[in-house]
Protein backbone atom coordinates (compact mmCIF):
# COMPACT_ATOMS: atom_id res chain seq x y z
CA MET A 1 23.51 -11.99 26.21
CA THR A 2 22.58 -9.75 23.80
CA THR A 3 21.58 -10.41 20.02
CA VAL A 4 22.25 -7.91 17.53
CA SER A 5 19.52 -7.94 14.43
CA SER A 6 20.90 -7.76 11.07
CA THR A 7 18.88 -4.20 10.73
CA ASP A 8 20.95 -3.01 13.88
CA GLN A 9 24.26 -3.72 11.72
CA LEU A 10 22.83 -2.12 8.68
CA TYR A 11 22.18 0.98 10.67
CA ALA A 12 25.62 1.20 12.07
CA LEU A 13 26.83 0.97 8.26
CA ASP A 14 24.44 3.73 6.69
CA PRO A 15 22.15 5.46 9.19
CA GLU A 16 19.81 6.40 6.32
CA ILE A 17 18.59 3.01 6.29
CA LYS A 18 17.33 3.68 9.59
CA ILE A 19 15.33 6.80 8.37
CA THR A 20 14.16 5.18 5.22
CA LEU A 21 12.82 1.98 7.39
CA CYS A 22 10.99 4.56 9.70
CA ARG A 23 9.61 6.19 6.80
CA LEU A 24 8.20 2.92 5.30
CA ARG A 25 6.85 1.76 8.65
CA LYS A 26 4.93 4.95 9.04
CA THR A 27 3.43 4.76 5.55
CA ARG A 28 2.46 1.18 5.82
CA ASN A 29 0.72 1.92 9.17
CA ILE A 30 -0.87 4.97 7.80
CA MET A 31 -2.16 2.80 4.21
CA VAL A 32 -3.35 -0.05 6.79
CA ASN A 33 -5.31 2.61 8.73
CA ILE A 34 -6.87 4.33 5.61
CA SER A 35 -7.79 0.67 3.95
CA SER A 36 -9.40 -0.60 7.39
CA SER A 37 -11.93 2.42 7.64
CA SER A 38 -15.35 1.89 6.61
CA ASP A 39 -15.22 4.90 4.12
CA SER A 40 -12.62 3.59 1.87
CA VAL A 41 -14.43 0.25 1.43
CA ILE A 42 -17.60 2.28 0.31
CA TYR A 43 -15.80 4.17 -2.09
CA SER A 44 -14.10 1.07 -3.55
CA ASP A 45 -17.43 -0.69 -4.13
CA GLN A 46 -18.62 2.39 -5.79
CA LEU A 47 -16.00 2.49 -8.20
CA SER A 48 -16.37 -1.33 -8.99
CA THR A 49 -19.91 -0.84 -9.87
CA ASP A 50 -19.46 2.43 -12.13
CA ILE A 51 -17.45 0.56 -14.61
CA SER A 52 -19.85 -1.56 -16.85
CA PRO A 53 -18.63 -4.15 -19.09
CA SER A 54 -19.62 -2.98 -22.37
CA SER A 55 -17.31 0.29 -21.67
CA SER A 56 -14.49 -2.08 -20.40
CA ASN A 57 -14.00 -4.11 -23.63
CA ILE A 58 -12.48 -1.54 -26.33
CA PHE A 59 -12.11 -4.60 -28.71
CA ALA A 60 -16.01 -5.63 -28.76
CA GLU A 61 -17.37 -5.60 -32.27
CA PRO A 62 -19.97 -2.88 -32.62
CA GLY A 63 -23.82 -4.31 -32.54
């Protein structure tokens, strides 16, 4: 017995769906690989420490 998934039925209706889905999966895999590298973790840590609280509060009263 062969089961047909709902995505297979969509592919039959529009082949562009399959192409788009493949592109999305490829992009997601690339993003997961980038975010799991240690370089990106170090970079994101540096970004969060470079922002001081006083510069992020534009509504603060001048001292």
